[in-house]
């Protein structure tokens, strides 16, 4: 049963990352028409509506203890991708993605050191080297761009920890649904302004809406369910596959060639994840109380543009 739970958690994390990258490619098609802010706003709106329909939260039944992580998660949803996209515009894809990965890397290092020992810490560092080699960030003196990238990293770390807390305090996906809806409300004035400045077309709205489902709804729910089955530090290490998948999407969909260094980086990331997953014991000290409860729903962040011209977007809402 425990092995099945772990395998399910890995499958959920892979589904989350894959959906994010697929949605990212579709979202990029709407950029010339809506702009990044417009695309993020439409994604937030679609994610909020779909999550409410799927989660069907009972607002009156929520306690103060449950509302706290929900509100904090809504703030993270609202800030995560917007800060990342703004960083990309100022410092480039490679550096922005590398800075953002400091978020899950920090979760992996802190949690791994406290819970799983040197093996997990080593795997996290190996994955970090792979990400840097794959994205090959360029140096910059743009302090604001670096600050935005670090803000995205902080949001991603918060996203992981808050999702885990929410999964422990609230069954089902109702918490994520409420957080997504609150985040969508924040983007109402922002999105209206963006759409007025960039008049939308039907095709652009359709692309942004599809990205809302693939890059927001699916990762948000999948990550919530995965974090009920795997430790937060293992989740942080596994997030290193995001730039890897972005590079793969670029190679397959956009015809971008992978060079020797890219394959070395992919090997490092795959090795780090394989060793980390193989080293997990059948029980973990930070396993949530409800980890063994079967769940029927699957899928939901964020994402980020990544390697070369491939686009990787992180779990956002």
C-alpha atoms as a PDB file:
ATOM      1  CA  UNK A   1       0.000   0.000   0.000  1.00  0.00           C
ATOM      2  CA  UNK A   2       2.791   2.422   0.914  1.00  0.00           C
ATOM      3  CA  UNK A   3       4.650   1.680  -2.325  1.00  0.00           C
ATOM      4  CA  UNK A   4       1.422   2.313  -4.211  1.00  0.00           C
ATOM      5  CA  UNK A   5       0.994   5.645  -2.425  1.00  0.00           C
ATOM      6  CA  UNK A   6       4.514   6.675  -3.364  1.00  0.00           C
ATOM      7  CA  UNK A   7       4.031   5.595  -6.991  1.00  0.00           C
ATOM      8  CA  UNK A   8       0.776   7.545  -7.131  1.00  0.00           C
ATOM      9  CA  UNK A   9       2.538  10.605  -5.754  1.00  0.00           C
ATOM     10  CA  UNK A  10       5.239  10.379  -8.423  1.00  0.00           C
ATOM     11  CA  UNK A  11       2.612   9.951 -11.140  1.00  0.00           C
ATOM     12  CA  UNK A  12       0.742  13.015  -9.867  1.00  0.00           C
ATOM     13  CA  UNK A  13       3.913  15.126  -9.835  1.00  0.00           C
ATOM     14  CA  UNK A  14       4.758  14.025 -13.375  1.00  0.00           C
ATOM     15  CA  UNK A  15       1.212  14.798 -14.542  1.00  0.00           C
ATOM     16  CA  UNK A  16       1.447  18.238 -12.946  1.00  0.00           C
ATOM     17  CA  UNK A  17       4.758  19.118 -14.590  1.00  0.00           C
ATOM     18  CA  UNK A  18       3.728  17.716 -17.991  1.00  0.00           C
ATOM     19  CA  UNK A  19       0.404  19.581 -17.997  1.00  0.00           C
ATOM     20  CA  UNK A  20       2.180  22.798 -17.026  1.00  0.00           C
ATOM     21  CA  UNK A  21       4.578  22.604 -19.953  1.00  0.00           C
ATOM     22  CA  UNK A  22       1.838  21.714 -22.435  1.00  0.00           C
ATOM     23  CA  UNK A  23      -0.277  24.601 -21.221  1.00  0.00           C
ATOM     24  CA  UNK A  24       2.739  26.879 -21.398  1.00  0.00           C
ATOM     25  CA  UNK A  25       3.203  26.192 -25.083  1.00  0.00           C
ATOM     26  CA  UNK A  26      -0.456  26.987 -25.736  1.00  0.00           C
ATOM     27  CA  UNK A  27      -0.340  30.139 -23.591  1.00  0.00           C
ATOM     28  CA  UNK A  28       2.638  31.446 -25.559  1.00  0.00           C
ATOM     29  CA  UNK A  29       0.430  31.605 -28.654  1.00  0.00           C
ATOM     30  CA  UNK A  30      -1.707  34.261 -26.954  1.00  0.00           C
ATOM     31  CA  UNK A  31       1.191  36.501 -25.883  1.00  0.00           C
ATOM     32  CA  UNK A  32       1.347  38.622 -29.045  1.00  0.00           C
ATOM     33  CA  UNK A  33      -2.352  39.514 -28.618  1.00  0.00           C
ATOM     34  CA  UNK A  34      -3.001  39.628 -24.861  1.00  0.00           C
ATOM     35  CA  UNK A  35       0.463  40.167 -23.432  1.00  0.00           C
ATOM     36  CA  UNK A  36       1.769  38.234 -20.398  1.00  0.00           C
ATOM     37  CA  UNK A  37      -0.450  40.049 -17.875  1.00  0.00           C
ATOM     38  CA  UNK A  38      -3.560  39.456 -19.951  1.00  0.00           C
ATOM     39  CA  UNK A  39      -2.771  35.769 -20.330  1.00  0.00           C
ATOM     40  CA  UNK A  40      -2.136  35.380 -16.589  1.00  0.00           C
ATOM     41  CA  UNK A  41      -5.409  37.152 -15.787  1.00  0.00           C
ATOM     42  CA  UNK A  42      -7.484  34.931 -18.076  1.00  0.00           C
ATOM     43  CA  UNK A  43      -5.732  31.857 -16.678  1.00  0.00           C
ATOM     44  CA  UNK A  44      -6.586  32.968 -13.150  1.00  0.00           C
ATOM     45  CA  UNK A  45     -10.246  33.527 -14.028  1.00  0.00           C
ATOM     46  CA  UNK A  46     -10.629  30.186 -15.777  1.00  0.00           C
ATOM     47  CA  UNK A  47      -8.800  28.350 -12.984  1.00  0.00           C
ATOM     48  CA  UNK A  48     -10.986  29.967 -10.330  1.00  0.00           C
ATOM     49  CA  UNK A  49     -14.243  29.033 -12.084  1.00  0.00           C
ATOM     50  CA  UNK A  50     -13.178  25.452 -12.909  1.00  0.00           C
ATOM     51  CA  UNK A  51     -11.797  24.798  -9.429  1.00  0.00           C
ATOM     52  CA  UNK A  52     -14.984  26.038  -7.796  1.00  0.00           C
ATOM     53  CA  UNK A  53     -17.042  23.762 -10.053  1.00  0.00           C
ATOM     54  CA  UNK A  54     -14.794  20.764  -9.317  1.00  0.00           C
ATOM     55  CA  UNK A  55     -14.076  21.339  -5.625  1.00  0.00           C
ATOM     56  CA  UNK A  56     -17.532  22.581  -4.586  1.00  0.00           C
ATOM     57  CA  UNK A  57     -16.207  24.036  -1.319  1.00  0.00           C
ATOM     58  CA  UNK A  58     -18.541  24.638   1.615  1.00  0.00           C
ATOM     59  CA  UNK A  59     -17.436  28.077   2.718  1.00  0.00           C
ATOM     60  CA  UNK A  60     -19.470  28.165   5.915  1.00  0.00           C
ATOM     61  CA  UNK A  61     -17.893  24.937   7.105  1.00  0.00           C
ATOM     62  CA  UNK A  62     -14.340  26.303   6.887  1.00  0.00           C
ATOM     63  CA  UNK A  63     -12.643  27.093  10.189  1.00  0.00           C
ATOM     64  CA  UNK A  64     -10.212  29.906  10.942  1.00  0.00           C
ATOM     65  CA  UNK A  65      -7.408  27.343  11.002  1.00  0.00           C
ATOM     66  CA  UNK A  66      -8.319  26.311   7.440  1.00  0.00           C
ATOM     67  CA  UNK A  67      -8.874  29.846   6.150  1.00  0.00           C
ATOM     68  CA  UNK A  68      -5.324  30.973   6.994  1.00  0.00           C
ATOM     69  CA  UNK A  69      -3.461  28.715   4.506  1.00  0.00           C
ATOM     70  CA  UNK A  70      -6.230  29.277   1.932  1.00  0.00           C
ATOM     71  CA  UNK A  71      -5.787  33.051   1.982  1.00  0.00           C
ATOM     72  CA  UNK A  72      -1.995  32.768   1.961  1.00  0.00           C
ATOM     73  CA  UNK A  73      -2.147  30.315  -0.948  1.00  0.00           C
ATOM     74  CA  UNK A  74      -4.399  32.729  -2.867  1.00  0.00           C
ATOM     75  CA  UNK A  75      -1.752  35.427  -2.443  1.00  0.00           C
ATOM     76  CA  UNK A  76       0.912  33.051  -3.728  1.00  0.00           C
ATOM     77  CA  UNK A  77      -1.250  32.148  -6.731  1.00  0.00           C
ATOM     78  CA  UNK A  78      -1.702  35.834  -7.546  1.00  0.00           C
ATOM     79  CA  UNK A  79       1.995  36.700  -7.344  1.00  0.00           C
ATOM     80  CA  UNK A  80       3.866  33.610  -8.566  1.00  0.00           C
ATOM     81  CA  UNK A  81       3.675  33.649 -12.360  1.00  0.00           C
ATOM     82  CA  UNK A  82       3.365  37.393 -12.718  1.00  0.00           C
ATOM     83  CA  UNK A  83       6.639  37.919 -10.870  1.00  0.00           C
ATOM     84  CA  UNK A  84       8.262  35.200 -12.956  1.00  0.00           C
ATOM     85  CA  UNK A  85       7.094  36.569 -16.300  1.00  0.00           C
ATOM     86  CA  UNK A  86       8.226  40.055 -15.309  1.00  0.00           C
ATOM     87  CA  UNK A  87      11.641  38.648 -14.364  1.00  0.00           C
ATOM     88  CA  UNK A  88      11.904  36.855 -17.715  1.00  0.00           C
ATOM     89  CA  UNK A  89      11.223  40.138 -19.531  1.00  0.00           C
ATOM     90  CA  UNK A  90      14.086  41.833 -17.666  1.00  0.00           C
ATOM     91  CA  UNK A  91      16.817  39.209 -17.171  1.00  0.00           C
ATOM     92  CA  UNK A  92      16.022  36.472 -19.705  1.00  0.00           C
ATOM     93  CA  UNK A  93      14.617  32.973 -19.497  1.00  0.00           C
ATOM     94  CA  UNK A  94      17.661  31.113 -18.240  1.00  0.00           C
ATOM     95  CA  UNK A  95      18.432  33.327 -15.244  1.00  0.00           C
ATOM     96  CA  UNK A  96      14.767  33.783 -14.317  1.00  0.00           C
ATOM     97  CA  UNK A  97      14.103  30.032 -14.280  1.00  0.00           C
ATOM     98  CA  UNK A  98      17.306  29.352 -12.339  1.00  0.00           C
ATOM     99  CA  UNK A  99      16.420  31.975  -9.729  1.00  0.00           C
ATOM    100  CA  UNK A 100      12.892  30.576  -9.436  1.00  0.00           C
ATOM    101  CA  UNK A 101      14.197  27.044  -8.869  1.00  0.00           C
ATOM    102  CA  UNK A 102      15.873  28.314  -5.674  1.00  0.00           C
ATOM    103  CA  UNK A 103      12.392  28.040  -4.109  1.00  0.00           C
ATOM    104  CA  UNK A 104      11.832  24.276  -4.374  1.00  0.00           C
ATOM    105  CA  UNK A 105      15.573  23.727  -3.949  1.00  0.00           C
ATOM    106  CA  UNK A 106      15.423  25.469  -0.564  1.00  0.00           C
ATOM    107  CA  UNK A 107      12.478  23.300   0.485  1.00  0.00           C
ATOM    108  CA  UNK A 108      14.389  20.198  -0.608  1.00  0.00           C
ATOM    109  CA  UNK A 109      17.582  21.206   1.199  1.00  0.00           C
ATOM    110  CA  UNK A 110      15.956  22.281   4.475  1.00  0.00           C
ATOM    111  CA  UNK A 111      13.525  19.372   4.593  1.00  0.00           C
ATOM    112  CA  UNK A 112      16.104  16.877   3.390  1.00  0.00           C
ATOM    113  CA  UNK A 113      18.672  17.935   5.964  1.00  0.00           C
ATOM    114  CA  UNK A 114      16.132  17.811   8.789  1.00  0.00           C
ATOM    115  CA  UNK A 115      14.378  14.603   7.760  1.00  0.00           C
ATOM    116  CA  UNK A 116      16.128  12.452   5.195  1.00  0.00           C
ATOM    117  CA  UNK A 117      19.818  13.139   5.700  1.00  0.00           C
ATOM    118  CA  UNK A 118      22.749  13.571   3.354  1.00  0.00           C
ATOM    119  CA  UNK A 119      21.423  11.526   0.442  1.00  0.00           C
ATOM    120  CA  UNK A 120      18.470  13.854  -0.142  1.00  0.00           C
ATOM    121  CA  UNK A 121      20.611  16.970   0.275  1.00  0.00           C
ATOM    122  CA  UNK A 122      23.092  15.570  -2.240  1.00  0.00           C
ATOM    123  CA  UNK A 123      20.295  14.806  -4.700  1.00  0.00           C
ATOM    124  CA  UNK A 124      18.925  18.338  -4.352  1.00  0.00           C
ATOM    125  CA  UNK A 125      22.333  19.847  -5.065  1.00  0.00           C
ATOM    126  CA  UNK A 126      22.869  17.501  -8.026  1.00  0.00           C
ATOM    127  CA  UNK A 127      19.481  18.518  -9.453  1.00  0.00           C
ATOM    128  CA  UNK A 128      20.394  22.197  -8.949  1.00  0.00           C
ATOM    129  CA  UNK A 129      23.604  21.724 -10.947  1.00  0.00           C
ATOM    130  CA  UNK A 130      21.564  20.079 -13.696  1.00  0.00           C
ATOM    131  CA  UNK A 131      19.120  23.000 -13.800  1.00  0.00           C
ATOM    132  CA  UNK A 132      21.934  25.552 -14.040  1.00  0.00           C
ATOM    133  CA  UNK A 133      23.646  23.593 -16.846  1.00  0.00           C
ATOM    134  CA  UNK A 134      20.343  23.220 -18.701  1.00  0.00           C
ATOM    135  CA  UNK A 135      19.240  26.867 -18.420  1.00  0.00           C
ATOM    136  CA  UNK A 136      22.751  28.389 -18.591  1.00  0.00           C
ATOM    137  CA  UNK A 137      21.824  31.731 -17.010  1.00  0.00           C
ATOM    138  CA  UNK A 138      23.644  34.858 -18.126  1.00  0.00           C
ATOM    139  CA  UNK A 139      24.961  37.411 -15.613  1.00  0.00           C
ATOM    140  CA  UNK A 140      23.018  40.651 -15.172  1.00  0.00           C
ATOM    141  CA  UNK A 141      23.096  43.903 -13.206  1.00  0.00           C
ATOM    142  CA  UNK A 142      19.301  44.303 -13.320  1.00  0.00           C
ATOM    143  CA  UNK A 143      18.588  44.349  -9.595  1.00  0.00           C
ATOM    144  CA  UNK A 144      14.820  44.607 -10.089  1.00  0.00           C
ATOM    145  CA  UNK A 145      14.814  41.628 -12.455  1.00  0.00           C
ATOM    146  CA  UNK A 146      16.794  39.555  -9.958  1.00  0.00           C
ATOM    147  CA  UNK A 147      14.417  40.630  -7.195  1.00  0.00           C
ATOM    148  CA  UNK A 148      11.418  39.529  -9.263  1.00  0.00           C
ATOM    149  CA  UNK A 149      13.055  36.150  -9.928  1.00  0.00           C
ATOM    150  CA  UNK A 150      13.718  35.679  -6.217  1.00  0.00           C
ATOM    151  CA  UNK A 151      10.115  36.687  -5.488  1.00  0.00           C
ATOM    152  CA  UNK A 152       8.974  33.915  -7.829  1.00  0.00           C
ATOM    153  CA  UNK A 153      11.276  31.503  -5.955  1.00  0.00           C
ATOM    154  CA  UNK A 154       9.789  32.540  -2.609  1.00  0.00           C
ATOM    155  CA  UNK A 155       6.295  32.071  -4.030  1.00  0.00           C
ATOM    156  CA  UNK A 156       7.120  28.584  -5.325  1.00  0.00           C
ATOM    157  CA  UNK A 157       8.512  27.527  -1.948  1.00  0.00           C
ATOM    158  CA  UNK A 158       5.432  28.943  -0.251  1.00  0.00           C
ATOM    159  CA  UNK A 159       3.208  27.163  -2.761  1.00  0.00           C
ATOM    160  CA  UNK A 160       4.749  23.792  -1.849  1.00  0.00           C
ATOM    161  CA  UNK A 161       4.535  24.281   1.913  1.00  0.00           C
ATOM    162  CA  UNK A 162       1.056  25.836   1.904  1.00  0.00           C
ATOM    163  CA  UNK A 163      -0.329  23.111  -0.352  1.00  0.00           C
ATOM    164  CA  UNK A 164       1.012  20.509   2.049  1.00  0.00           C
ATOM    165  CA  UNK A 165      -0.474  22.296   5.049  1.00  0.00           C
ATOM    166  CA  UNK A 166      -3.808  22.677   3.277  1.00  0.00           C
ATOM    167  CA  UNK A 167      -3.814  18.991   2.374  1.00  0.00           C
ATOM    168  CA  UNK A 168      -3.380  18.126   6.048  1.00  0.00           C
ATOM    169  CA  UNK A 169      -6.071  20.474   7.343  1.00  0.00           C
ATOM    170  CA  UNK A 170      -8.763  20.093   4.705  1.00  0.00           C
ATOM    171  CA  UNK A 171      -9.880  16.959   2.812  1.00  0.00           C
ATOM    172  CA  UNK A 172     -10.535  16.994  -0.924  1.00  0.00           C
ATOM    173  CA  UNK A 173      -9.635  19.945  -3.152  1.00  0.00           C
ATOM    174  CA  UNK A 174     -12.020  22.504  -1.674  1.00  0.00           C
ATOM    175  CA  UNK A 175      -9.176  24.539  -0.183  1.00  0.00           C
ATOM    176  CA  UNK A 176      -7.416  24.929  -3.533  1.00  0.00           C
ATOM    177  CA  UNK A 177     -10.756  25.839  -5.120  1.00  0.00           C
ATOM    178  CA  UNK A 178     -11.328  28.700  -2.676  1.00  0.00           C
ATOM    179  CA  UNK A 179      -7.722  29.897  -3.033  1.00  0.00           C
ATOM    180  CA  UNK A 180      -8.023  29.856  -6.826  1.00  0.00           C
ATOM    181  CA  UNK A 181     -11.286  31.811  -6.684  1.00  0.00           C
ATOM    182  CA  UNK A 182      -9.825  34.462  -4.366  1.00  0.00           C
ATOM    183  CA  UNK A 183      -6.803  34.814  -6.633  1.00  0.00           C
ATOM    184  CA  UNK A 184      -9.107  35.210  -9.647  1.00  0.00           C
ATOM    185  CA  UNK A 185     -10.935  38.061  -7.881  1.00  0.00           C
ATOM    186  CA  UNK A 186      -7.633  39.863  -7.351  1.00  0.00           C
ATOM    187  CA  UNK A 187      -7.039  39.735 -11.101  1.00  0.00           C
ATOM    188  CA  UNK A 188     -10.419  41.200 -12.105  1.00  0.00           C
ATOM    189  CA  UNK A 189      -9.253  44.854 -12.231  1.00  0.00           C
ATOM    190  CA  UNK A 190      -5.781  43.873 -13.464  1.00  0.00           C
ATOM    191  CA  UNK A 191      -7.188  41.717 -16.249  1.00  0.00           C
ATOM    192  CA  UNK A 192      -9.746  44.300 -17.358  1.00  0.00           C
ATOM    193  CA  UNK A 193      -6.992  46.868 -17.704  1.00  0.00           C
ATOM    194  CA  UNK A 194      -4.803  44.438 -19.646  1.00  0.00           C
ATOM    195  CA  UNK A 195      -7.612  43.441 -22.027  1.00  0.00           C
ATOM    196  CA  UNK A 196      -8.528  47.066 -22.659  1.00  0.00           C
ATOM    197  CA  UNK A 197      -4.913  47.808 -23.550  1.00  0.00           C
ATOM    198  CA  UNK A 198      -4.657  44.619 -25.644  1.00  0.00           C
ATOM    199  CA  UNK A 199      -8.023  43.898 -27.339  1.00  0.00           C
ATOM    200  CA  UNK A 200      -8.463  40.102 -27.346  1.00  0.00           C
ATOM    201  CA  UNK A 201      -9.349  37.791 -30.185  1.00  0.00           C
ATOM    202  CA  UNK A 202     -11.353  34.585 -29.875  1.00  0.00           C
ATOM    203  CA  UNK A 203      -8.294  32.478 -30.626  1.00  0.00           C
ATOM    204  CA  UNK A 204      -6.141  34.243 -28.026  1.00  0.00           C
ATOM    205  CA  UNK A 205      -8.813  33.895 -25.344  1.00  0.00           C
ATOM    206  CA  UNK A 206      -9.186  30.194 -26.190  1.00  0.00           C
ATOM    207  CA  UNK A 207      -5.429  29.655 -25.826  1.00  0.00           C
ATOM    208  CA  UNK A 208      -5.321  31.498 -22.505  1.00  0.00           C
ATOM    209  CA  UNK A 209      -8.349  29.558 -21.253  1.00  0.00           C
ATOM    210  CA  UNK A 210      -6.761  26.231 -22.226  1.00  0.00           C
ATOM    211  CA  UNK A 211      -3.614  27.287 -20.399  1.00  0.00           C
ATOM    212  CA  UNK A 212      -5.743  28.055 -17.345  1.00  0.00           C
ATOM    213  CA  UNK A 213      -6.868  24.434 -17.220  1.00  0.00           C
ATOM    214  CA  UNK A 214      -3.565  22.777 -18.141  1.00  0.00           C
ATOM    215  CA  UNK A 215      -1.127  25.111 -16.376  1.00  0.00           C
ATOM    216  CA  UNK A 216      -3.249  26.064 -13.377  1.00  0.00           C
ATOM    217  CA  UNK A 217      -6.116  23.696 -12.544  1.00  0.00           C
ATOM    218  CA  UNK A 218      -4.295  20.442 -13.270  1.00  0.00           C
ATOM    219  CA  UNK A 219      -1.069  21.347 -11.416  1.00  0.00           C
ATOM    220  CA  UNK A 220      -2.884  22.864  -8.439  1.00  0.00           C
ATOM    221  CA  UNK A 221      -4.982  19.768  -7.743  1.00  0.00           C
ATOM    222  CA  UNK A 222      -2.264  17.255  -8.680  1.00  0.00           C
ATOM    223  CA  UNK A 223       0.288  18.971  -6.447  1.00  0.00           C
ATOM    224  CA  UNK A 224      -2.142  19.067  -3.534  1.00  0.00           C
ATOM    225  CA  UNK A 225      -2.816  15.342  -3.851  1.00  0.00           C
ATOM    226  CA  UNK A 226       0.868  14.513  -4.438  1.00  0.00           C
ATOM    227  CA  UNK A 227       1.924  16.358  -1.279  1.00  0.00           C
ATOM    228  CA  UNK A 228      -0.367  14.070   0.718  1.00  0.00           C
ATOM    229  CA  UNK A 229       1.735  11.140  -0.477  1.00  0.00           C
ATOM    230  CA  UNK A 230       5.338  12.350  -0.697  1.00  0.00           C
ATOM    231  CA  UNK A 231       7.478  14.488   1.626  1.00  0.00           C
ATOM    232  CA  UNK A 232       7.824  18.179   0.789  1.00  0.00           C
ATOM    233  CA  UNK A 233      11.589  17.851   0.281  1.00  0.00           C
ATOM    234  CA  UNK A 234      11.097  15.041  -2.258  1.00  0.00           C
ATOM    235  CA  UNK A 235       8.535  17.188  -4.058  1.00  0.00           C
ATOM    236  CA  UNK A 236      11.082  20.017  -4.168  1.00  0.00           C
ATOM    237  CA  UNK A 237      13.677  17.788  -5.809  1.00  0.00           C
ATOM    238  CA  UNK A 238      11.166  16.437  -8.314  1.00  0.00           C
ATOM    239  CA  UNK A 239      10.348  19.992  -9.450  1.00  0.00           C
ATOM    240  CA  UNK A 240      13.762  20.040 -11.139  1.00  0.00           C
ATOM    241  CA  UNK A 241      12.119  18.097 -13.982  1.00  0.00           C
ATOM    242  CA  UNK A 242      10.215  21.252 -14.996  1.00  0.00           C
ATOM    243  CA  UNK A 243      13.055  22.872 -16.987  1.00  0.00           C
ATOM    244  CA  UNK A 244      13.883  19.411 -18.300  1.00  0.00           C
ATOM    245  CA  UNK A 245      10.352  18.981 -19.626  1.00  0.00           C
ATOM    246  CA  UNK A 246      10.416  22.500 -21.023  1.00  0.00           C
ATOM    247  CA  UNK A 247      13.557  21.661 -22.985  1.00  0.00           C
ATOM    248  CA  UNK A 248      11.946  18.432 -24.178  1.00  0.00           C
ATOM    249  CA  UNK A 249       8.835  20.305 -25.348  1.00  0.00           C
ATOM    250  CA  UNK A 250      11.070  22.736 -27.200  1.00  0.00           C
ATOM    251  CA  UNK A 251      12.887  19.888 -28.912  1.00  0.00           C
ATOM    252  CA  UNK A 252       9.780  17.912 -29.868  1.00  0.00           C
ATOM    253  CA  UNK A 253       7.250  20.655 -30.581  1.00  0.00           C
ATOM    254  CA  UNK A 254       9.436  23.571 -31.641  1.00  0.00           C
ATOM    255  CA  UNK A 255      12.220  21.566 -33.272  1.00  0.00           C
ATOM    256  CA  UNK A 256      14.955  22.939 -31.025  1.00  0.00           C
ATOM    257  CA  UNK A 257      18.084  20.801 -30.978  1.00  0.00           C
ATOM    258  CA  UNK A 258      19.538  19.614 -27.666  1.00  0.00           C
ATOM    259  CA  UNK A 259      23.308  19.949 -27.429  1.00  0.00           C
ATOM    260  CA  UNK A 260      25.803  17.792 -25.496  1.00  0.00           C
ATOM    261  CA  UNK A 261      25.578  19.987 -22.373  1.00  0.00           C
ATOM    262  CA  UNK A 262      21.797  19.697 -22.451  1.00  0.00           C
ATOM    263  CA  UNK A 263      22.010  15.914 -22.370  1.00  0.00           C
ATOM    264  CA  UNK A 264      24.515  16.069 -19.499  1.00  0.00           C
ATOM    265  CA  UNK A 265      22.102  18.284 -17.570  1.00  0.00           C
ATOM    266  CA  UNK A 266      19.192  15.961 -18.277  1.00  0.00           C
ATOM    267  CA  UNK A 267      21.281  13.033 -17.039  1.00  0.00           C
ATOM    268  CA  UNK A 268      22.087  14.875 -13.785  1.00  0.00           C
ATOM    269  CA  UNK A 269      18.450  15.769 -13.127  1.00  0.00           C
ATOM    270  CA  UNK A 270      17.160  12.285 -13.917  1.00  0.00           C
ATOM    271  CA  UNK A 271      19.857  10.692 -11.743  1.00  0.00           C
ATOM    272  CA  UNK A 272      19.107  13.022  -8.825  1.00  0.00           C
ATOM    273  CA  UNK A 273      15.410  12.209  -8.942  1.00  0.00           C
ATOM    274  CA  UNK A 274      15.959   8.468  -9.361  1.00  0.00           C
ATOM    275  CA  UNK A 275      18.332   8.287  -6.384  1.00  0.00           C
ATOM    276  CA  UNK A 276      16.063  10.465  -4.221  1.00  0.00           C
ATOM    277  CA  UNK A 277      12.978   8.382  -4.954  1.00  0.00           C
ATOM    278  CA  UNK A 278      14.834   5.093  -4.510  1.00  0.00           C
ATOM    279  CA  UNK A 279      16.182   6.292  -1.177  1.00  0.00           C
ATOM    280  CA  UNK A 280      12.803   7.052   0.326  1.00  0.00           C
ATOM    281  CA  UNK A 281      11.887   4.718   3.123  1.00  0.00           C
ATOM    282  CA  UNK A 282       8.454   3.154   3.275  1.00  0.00           C
ATOM    283  CA  UNK A 283       7.492   5.645   5.994  1.00  0.00           C
ATOM    284  CA  UNK A 284       8.513   9.297   6.304  1.00  0.00           C
ATOM    285  CA  UNK A 285       8.454  11.425   9.402  1.00  0.00           C
ATOM    286  CA  UNK A 286       6.602  14.252   7.660  1.00  0.00           C
ATOM    287  CA  UNK A 287       3.930  12.047   6.111  1.00  0.00           C
ATOM    288  CA  UNK A 288       0.504  13.608   6.691  1.00  0.00           C
ATOM    289  CA  UNK A 289      -2.098  11.795   8.745  1.00  0.00           C
ATOM    290  CA  UNK A 290      -4.409  11.258   5.802  1.00  0.00           C
ATOM    291  CA  UNK A 291      -1.730  10.109   3.378  1.00  0.00           C
ATOM    292  CA  UNK A 292      -3.190   6.641   2.995  1.00  0.00           C
ATOM    293  CA  UNK A 293      -6.712   7.780   2.236  1.00  0.00           C
ATOM    294  CA  UNK A 294      -7.568   7.000  -1.412  1.00  0.00           C
ATOM    295  CA  UNK A 295      -8.367  10.021  -3.560  1.00  0.00           C
ATOM    296  CA  UNK A 296     -10.455  10.085  -6.711  1.00  0.00           C
ATOM    297  CA  UNK A 297      -9.591  13.495  -8.084  1.00  0.00           C
ATOM    298  CA  UNK A 298      -6.334  14.323  -9.786  1.00  0.00           C
ATOM    299  CA  UNK A 299      -4.585  17.311 -11.260  1.00  0.00           C
ATOM    300  CA  UNK A 300      -3.248  21.472 -10.437  1.00  0.00           C
ATOM    301  CA  UNK A 301       1.045  25.984 -10.655  1.00  0.00           C
ATOM    302  CA  UNK A 302       2.999  27.013 -12.241  1.00  0.00           C
ATOM    303  CA  UNK A 303       5.274  27.049 -14.439  1.00  0.00           C
ATOM    304  CA  UNK A 304       7.803  29.172 -16.012  1.00  0.00           C
ATOM    305  CA  UNK A 305       9.293  29.863 -19.388  1.00  0.00           C
ATOM    306  CA  UNK A 306      12.454  27.859 -19.737  1.00  0.00           C
ATOM    307  CA  UNK A 307      15.338  26.575 -21.820  1.00  0.00           C
ATOM    308  CA  UNK A 308      16.204  28.337 -25.059  1.00  0.00           C
ATOM    309  CA  UNK A 309      12.860  29.336 -26.554  1.00  0.00           C
ATOM    310  CA  UNK A 310      10.833  26.556 -25.012  1.00  0.00           C
ATOM    311  CA  UNK A 311       8.352  27.882 -22.490  1.00  0.00           C
ATOM    312  CA  UNK A 312       7.919  26.403 -19.049  1.00  0.00           C
ATOM    313  CA  UNK A 313       5.309  27.855 -16.754  1.00  0.00           C
ATOM    314  CA  UNK A 314       5.041  27.022 -13.202  1.00  0.00           C
ATOM    315  CA  UNK A 315       2.282  26.047 -11.238  1.00  0.00           C
ATOM    316  CA  UNK A 316       0.190  29.094 -10.859  1.00  0.00           C
ATOM    317  CA  UNK A 317      -3.330  29.407 -10.539  1.00  0.00           C
END
